[in-house]
Amino acid sequence: MTSTAFITHRDCWLHDMGSFHPECPDRLAAINDRLIAAGLDLYLSFYDAPLATSEQVTRVHPQAYFDELLAAVPEHGIRHLDPDTAMSPNTMKAALRSAGAGVLATDLVMKGEIENAFCAIRPPGHHAETSKAMGFCFLNNVAIAARHALEQHGLERVAVVDFDVHHGNGTEDIFRDDPRVMMVSIFQHPFFPYSGADCKAPNMVNVPVSAGLRGDAFRQIVSEVWIPALRNHNPQMIFFSAGFDAHYEDDMGSCGLVESDYIWATEQIKALAGECGHKRIVSLLEGGYSLSSLARSVVAHIKSLADL
């Protein structure tokens, strides 16, 4: 048995927000190519993401919001919901596959069929609030997966680890009143979406960082802030909001992380999961827009998950 699953779907390539938009299908192509070039495809279990069901989506988003999204899909061309976030005819199919990937990953891990999973998906999700699409996101994939673990599998405590360069405002919006979920995060501040620094909810462990963050400071935050908070929460499953746009090559932000930082952080969270008496981890792709650094970082992250 391979320990790590790789979950994706060709429908995730069909979502298109227009020429030159950074959140493009080439992101998944770059990851795929790098995965094969690194020989990782021999060591992973591959799964096609199912479509998330209405029941799974509406554990997080109100039915009225879900209906609005479905009704907003254009028959052809592109429809903007805001200047950054647009829909094409296949957007909701891609979004439901992305949410479904996290649900399937959670099921596989909970059944013990795999130890952990990486979901190569788009559109991303962590900016999607309870009733608002924004920041390239429509459905909050990590929140849907986490609620599935709580409601369907009966877990009492889970955690979300978000190292994207942007604050996961949607995940915070959804979970700040749910003590079963702890979110630990870093994000460049002040920076889009201009939130997170003032949240006082005890289950939201947000660490705003200045532009120019380097690996030593990131590692100190993980060691001194994240790990103690997570250890105290004692999660029964851990979810990564895995955005790789804090990489120094990524123009979307102004931080300076490199692959070795993502490897180290993944290893720390894996060790913590083991300490908590399980090895359950589900990682979902968020940001990362420099194709080369995105692909290298994802492969490094997966190799760490798979102990390769």
Protein backbone atom coordinates (compact mmCIF):
# COMPACT_ATOMS: atom_id res chain seq x y z
CA MET A 1 0.00 0.00 0.00
CA THR A 2 1.24 3.47 -0.82
CA SER A 3 0.92 5.87 2.08
CA THR A 4 -0.03 8.96 0.05
CA ALA A 5 -2.87 9.63 -2.37
CA PHE A 6 -2.81 12.17 -5.19
CA ILE A 7 -6.33 13.36 -6.01
CA THR A 8 -7.27 15.52 -8.96
CA HIS A 9 -9.65 15.62 -11.93
CA ARG A 10 -9.41 16.85 -15.50
CA ASP A 11 -12.48 19.03 -14.88
CA CYS A 12 -10.27 21.21 -12.66
CA TRP A 13 -8.38 22.22 -15.81
CA LEU A 14 -11.57 23.50 -17.48
CA HIS A 15 -12.18 26.46 -15.18
CA ASP A 16 -10.94 29.53 -17.08
CA MET A 17 -10.85 33.13 -15.83
CA GLY A 18 -9.40 34.54 -19.05
CA SER A 19 -6.07 35.03 -20.77
CA PHE A 20 -3.20 36.08 -18.52
CA HIS A 21 -5.10 35.36 -15.28
CA PRO A 22 -2.55 33.94 -12.81
CA GLU A 23 -4.95 31.26 -11.52
CA CYS A 24 -4.77 29.26 -14.73
CA PRO A 25 -4.95 25.61 -15.85
CA ASP A 26 -1.20 25.65 -16.50
CA ARG A 27 -0.72 25.46 -12.72
CA LEU A 28 -1.98 21.88 -12.69
CA ALA A 29 -0.06 21.00 -15.85
CA ALA A 30 3.18 22.21 -14.24
CA ILE A 31 2.53 20.10 -11.13
CA ASN A 32 1.74 17.03 -13.22
CA ASP A 33 4.86 17.41 -15.34
CA ARG A 34 7.11 17.88 -12.32
CA LEU A 35 5.54 14.92 -10.52
CA ILE A 36 6.33 12.63 -13.45
CA ALA A 37 9.81 14.09 -13.98
CA ALA A 38 10.59 13.42 -10.32
CA GLY A 39 9.39 9.81 -10.65
CA LEU A 40 6.84 10.34 -7.87
CA ASP A 41 4.00 8.84 -9.90
CA LEU A 42 5.42 5.39 -9.07
CA TYR A 43 4.95 5.93 -5.34
CA LEU A 44 1.49 7.49 -5.09
CA SER A 45 -2.08 6.20 -5.28
CA PHE A 46 -4.04 8.21 -7.86
CA TYR A 47 -7.75 9.00 -7.54
CA ASP A 48 -10.23 11.00 -9.59
CA ALA A 49 -12.05 13.57 -7.50
CA PRO A 50 -15.83 13.08 -7.31
CA LEU A 51 -18.30 15.95 -7.52
CA ALA A 52 -19.09 17.25 -4.04
CA THR A 53 -22.75 16.79 -3.17
CA SER A 54 -25.14 19.56 -2.18
CA GLU A 55 -25.23 18.11 1.34
CA GLN A 56 -21.43 18.32 1.64
CA VAL A 57 -21.31 21.89 0.31
CA THR A 58 -24.16 23.15 2.49
CA ARG A 59 -22.48 22.00 5.70
CA VAL A 60 -20.35 25.12 5.08
CA HIS A 61 -22.21 27.40 2.63
CA PRO A 62 -25.92 28.29 2.83
CA GLN A 63 -28.14 26.71 0.16
CA ALA A 64 -29.09 30.18 -1.09
CA TYR A 65 -25.42 31.04 -1.77
CA PHE A 66 -24.82 27.70 -3.49
CA ASP A 67 -27.88 28.30 -5.67
CA GLU A 68 -26.62 31.81 -6.54
CA LEU A 69 -23.29 30.39 -7.70
CA LEU A 70 -24.96 27.75 -9.86
CA ALA A 71 -27.24 30.38 -11.38
CA ALA A 72 -24.30 32.71 -12.11
CA VAL A 73 -22.46 30.26 -14.41
CA PRO A 74 -22.41 31.76 -17.93
CA GLU A 75 -23.43 29.70 -20.95
CA HIS A 76 -20.36 30.98 -22.76
CA GLY A 77 -17.60 33.49 -22.17
CA ILE A 78 -16.57 34.80 -18.78
CA ARG A 79 -18.67 36.44 -16.04
CA HIS A 80 -16.85 38.42 -13.34
CA LEU A 81 -18.13 38.22 -9.77
CA ASP A 82 -15.47 40.78 -8.76
CA PRO A 83 -12.37 42.15 -10.53
CA ASP A 84 -10.29 39.09 -9.49
CA THR A 85 -12.83 36.30 -9.57
CA ALA A 86 -14.63 35.14 -12.70
CA MET A 87 -16.70 32.21 -13.90
CA SER A 88 -16.65 30.31 -17.18
CA PRO A 89 -19.12 27.61 -18.29
CA ASN A 90 -17.17 24.86 -16.46
CA THR A 91 -16.31 26.76 -13.30
CA MET A 92 -18.82 25.08 -10.98
CA LYS A 93 -17.95 21.65 -12.32
CA ALA A 94 -14.31 22.38 -11.43
CA ALA A 95 -15.28 23.86 -8.05
CA LEU A 96 -17.37 20.81 -7.14
CA ARG A 97 -14.50 18.49 -8.15
CA SER A 98 -12.14 20.56 -5.98
CA ALA A 99 -14.43 20.32 -2.97
CA GLY A 100 -15.07 16.65 -3.74
CA ALA A 101 -11.33 15.94 -3.75
CA GLY A 102 -11.07 17.03 -0.12
CA VAL A 103 -14.10 14.94 0.83
CA LEU A 104 -12.68 11.83 -0.89
CA ALA A 105 -9.27 12.42 0.71
CA THR A 106 -10.92 12.65 4.13
CA ASP A 107 -12.82 9.40 3.53
CA LEU A 108 -9.70 7.54 2.37
CA VAL A 109 -7.66 8.71 5.35
CA MET A 110 -10.44 7.99 7.85
CA LYS A 111 -10.88 4.47 6.47
CA GLY A 112 -7.16 3.87 6.86
CA GLU A 113 -6.69 3.17 3.16
CA ILE A 114 -3.96 5.82 3.05
CA GLU A 115 -2.08 7.88 5.64
CA ASN A 116 -2.41 11.20 3.87
CA ALA A 117 -3.40 12.85 0.60
CA PHE A 118 -2.59 15.79 -1.63
CA CYS A 119 -5.39 17.33 -3.69
CA ALA A 120 -4.16 19.02 -6.90
CA ILE A 121 -7.21 21.17 -7.46
CA ARG A 122 -8.44 24.48 -8.77
CA PRO A 123 -10.23 26.77 -8.19
CA PRO A 124 -8.69 27.21 -4.73
CA GLY A 125 -10.92 27.81 -1.72
CA HIS A 126 -9.58 29.55 1.36
CA HIS A 127 -10.86 33.05 0.45
CA ALA A 128 -14.44 31.80 -0.06
CA GLU A 129 -16.45 33.05 2.90
CA THR A 130 -19.71 31.56 4.14
CA SER A 131 -21.72 33.47 1.52
CA LYS A 132 -19.17 35.24 -0.65
CA ALA A 133 -16.87 34.27 -3.53
CA MET A 134 -13.64 36.24 -3.72
CA GLY A 135 -9.89 35.96 -4.28
CA PHE A 136 -10.21 33.36 -7.09
CA CYS A 137 -12.31 31.15 -4.73
CA PHE A 138 -15.94 29.99 -4.92
CA LEU A 139 -16.33 27.09 -2.46
CA ASN A 140 -14.13 26.71 0.61
CA ASN A 141 -12.58 23.33 -0.13
CA VAL A 142 -10.66 22.92 3.13
CA ALA A 143 -13.69 23.91 5.21
CA ILE A 144 -15.92 21.44 3.36
CA ALA A 145 -13.37 18.66 3.98
CA ALA A 146 -12.95 19.59 7.66
CA ARG A 147 -16.71 19.73 8.28
CA HIS A 148 -17.03 16.34 6.53
CA ALA A 149 -14.51 14.90 9.00
CA LEU A 150 -16.48 16.35 11.91
CA GLU A 151 -20.04 15.63 10.78
CA GLN A 152 -19.68 12.46 8.70
CA HIS A 153 -16.86 10.74 10.57
CA GLY A 154 -17.64 11.99 14.06
CA LEU A 155 -14.31 13.60 14.87
CA GLU A 156 -14.33 16.07 17.74
CA ARG A 157 -11.28 18.21 16.90
CA VAL A 158 -9.52 19.04 13.63
CA ALA A 159 -6.99 21.67 12.58
CA VAL A 160 -6.27 23.73 9.47
CA VAL A 161 -2.67 24.75 8.73
CA ASP A 162 -2.53 27.60 6.17
CA PHE A 163 0.86 28.78 4.85
CA ASP A 164 -0.44 30.66 1.81
CA VAL A 165 0.95 34.20 1.46
CA HIS A 166 -2.64 35.52 1.72
CA HIS A 167 -4.82 35.24 4.82
CA GLY A 168 -7.46 32.52 4.63
CA ASN A 169 -10.27 34.92 5.44
CA GLY A 170 -12.93 32.51 4.24
CA THR A 171 -11.74 29.69 6.50
CA GLU A 172 -11.64 32.12 9.42
CA ASP A 173 -15.12 33.41 8.60
CA ILE A 174 -16.49 29.85 8.60
CA PHE A 175 -14.72 28.47 11.68
CA ARG A 176 -14.05 31.35 14.08
CA ASP A 177 -17.12 30.35 16.15
CA ASP A 178 -16.48 26.60 15.94
CA PRO A 179 -14.14 25.51 18.77
CA ARG A 180 -13.77 22.06 17.19
CA VAL A 181 -11.56 23.63 14.51
CA MET A 182 -8.23 25.36 15.14
CA MET A 183 -6.66 27.34 12.30
CA VAL A 184 -2.98 28.26 12.41
CA SER A 185 -1.70 30.53 9.66
CA ILE A 186 0.89 32.94 8.42
CA PHE A 187 0.16 35.63 5.87
CA GLN A 188 1.83 38.75 4.52
CA HIS A 189 0.31 41.85 6.12
CA PRO A 190 -0.85 44.41 5.16
CA PHE A 191 -1.83 42.62 1.98
CA PHE A 192 -4.90 41.15 0.27
CA PRO A 193 -7.46 40.40 1.69
CA TYR A 194 -6.51 42.87 4.45
CA SER A 195 -7.86 40.71 7.27
CA GLY A 196 -6.77 38.32 9.98
CA ALA A 197 -4.52 40.56 12.06
CA ASP A 198 -7.26 41.65 14.47
CA CYS A 199 -9.16 38.39 15.02
CA LYS A 200 -9.44 37.59 18.74
CA ALA A 201 -11.10 34.17 18.42
CA PRO A 202 -9.09 31.71 20.55
CA ASN A 203 -9.20 29.02 17.85
CA MET A 204 -7.68 31.36 15.22
CA VAL A 205 -3.89 31.44 15.60
CA ASN A 206 -3.03 34.02 12.94
CA VAL A 207 0.53 35.27 12.57
CA PRO A 208 0.79 38.31 10.25
CA VAL A 209 4.27 38.64 8.73
CA SER A 210 5.99 41.51 6.99
CA ALA A 211 7.03 41.46 3.35
CA GLY A 212 10.42 39.83 3.07
CA LEU A 213 9.71 36.90 5.39
CA ARG A 214 12.51 34.33 5.17
CA GLY A 215 12.71 30.71 6.19
CA ASP A 216 14.35 31.24 9.59
CA ALA A 217 11.51 33.50 10.78
CA PHE A 218 8.89 31.16 9.30
CA ARG A 219 10.41 28.18 11.09
CA GLN A 220 10.46 30.11 14.36
CA ILE A 221 6.73 30.85 14.00
CA VAL A 222 5.97 27.18 13.31
CA SER A 223 8.06 26.00 16.28
CA GLU A 224 7.09 28.64 18.82
CA VAL A 225 3.48 29.49 17.89
CA TRP A 226 1.86 26.86 15.66
CA ILE A 227 3.12 23.65 17.22
CA PRO A 228 2.31 24.55 20.86
CA ALA A 229 -1.18 25.74 19.86
CA LEU A 230 -1.83 22.60 17.81
CA ARG A 231 -0.47 20.35 20.55
CA ASN A 232 -2.87 21.99 23.01
CA HIS A 233 -5.81 21.53 20.60
CA ASN A 234 -4.84 17.86 20.02
CA PRO A 235 -6.49 17.53 16.57
CA GLN A 236 -7.66 14.13 15.37
CA MET A 237 -7.00 15.16 11.76
CA ILE A 238 -4.98 17.97 10.16
CA PHE A 239 -5.74 19.79 6.91
CA PHE A 240 -3.23 21.88 4.97
CA SER A 241 -4.37 24.93 3.04
CA ALA A 242 -1.26 24.51 0.91
CA GLY A 243 -0.55 27.74 -0.92
CA PHE A 244 2.96 28.11 -2.30
CA ASP A 245 2.88 31.82 -3.19
CA ALA A 246 5.13 32.78 -0.25
CA HIS A 247 7.98 31.32 -2.34
CA TYR A 248 10.65 33.85 -3.22
CA GLU A 249 10.11 33.32 -6.97
CA ASP A 250 6.37 34.05 -6.75
CA ASP A 251 5.45 37.60 -7.75
CA MET A 252 2.03 37.34 -6.13
CA GLY A 253 3.56 38.13 -2.75
CA SER A 254 6.81 39.52 -1.36
CA CYS A 255 8.04 36.68 0.85
CA GLY A 256 11.13 34.53 0.53
CA LEU A 257 10.36 30.91 1.37
CA VAL A 258 11.99 28.06 -0.57
CA GLU A 259 11.29 24.35 -1.04
CA SER A 260 13.31 23.35 2.02
CA ASP A 261 11.03 25.51 4.19
CA TYR A 262 7.93 23.72 2.91
CA ILE A 263 9.64 20.35 3.46
CA TRP A 264 10.57 21.29 7.02
CA ALA A 265 7.08 22.60 7.86
CA THR A 266 5.44 19.49 6.41
CA GLU A 267 7.73 17.30 8.52
CA GLN A 268 6.87 19.26 11.67
CA ILE A 269 3.14 18.88 11.09
CA LYS A 270 3.56 15.17 10.27
CA ALA A 271 5.42 14.67 13.53
CA LEU A 272 2.71 16.55 15.41
CA ALA A 273 0.02 14.37 13.83
CA GLY A 274 1.90 11.32 15.06
CA GLU A 275 2.14 12.85 18.54
CA CYS A 276 -1.64 13.26 18.53
CA GLY A 277 -1.98 9.51 18.02
CA HIS A 278 -2.74 9.41 14.31
CA LYS A 279 -1.13 10.24 10.97
CA ARG A 280 -4.20 11.75 9.32
CA ILE A 281 -3.32 14.63 7.00
CA VAL A 282 -5.16 16.00 3.97
CA SER A 283 -3.47 18.75 1.95
CA LEU A 284 -5.37 20.92 -0.54
CA LEU A 285 -3.74 23.22 -3.08
CA GLU A 286 -4.46 26.92 -2.63
CA GLY A 287 -2.18 29.57 -4.20
CA GLY A 288 1.13 29.44 -6.04
CA TYR A 289 1.44 31.21 -9.38
CA SER A 290 5.05 31.00 -10.52
CA LEU A 291 4.74 27.73 -12.41
CA SER A 292 8.27 26.48 -11.77
CA SER A 293 8.41 27.25 -8.04
CA LEU A 294 4.83 26.01 -7.58
CA ALA A 295 5.61 22.65 -9.19
CA ARG A 296 8.90 22.22 -7.31
CA SER A 297 7.30 23.16 -4.00
CA VAL A 298 4.31 20.85 -4.44
CA VAL A 299 6.60 17.93 -5.30
CA ALA A 300 8.77 18.69 -2.24
CA HIS A 301 5.64 18.82 -0.05
CA ILE A 302 4.32 15.53 -1.45
CA LYS A 303 7.69 13.82 -1.01
CA SER A 304 7.61 14.86 2.65
CA LEU A 305 4.06 13.56 3.06
CA ALA A 306 5.06 10.25 1.47
CA ASP A 307 8.38 9.91 3.38
CA LEU A 308 10.33 9.79 0.13
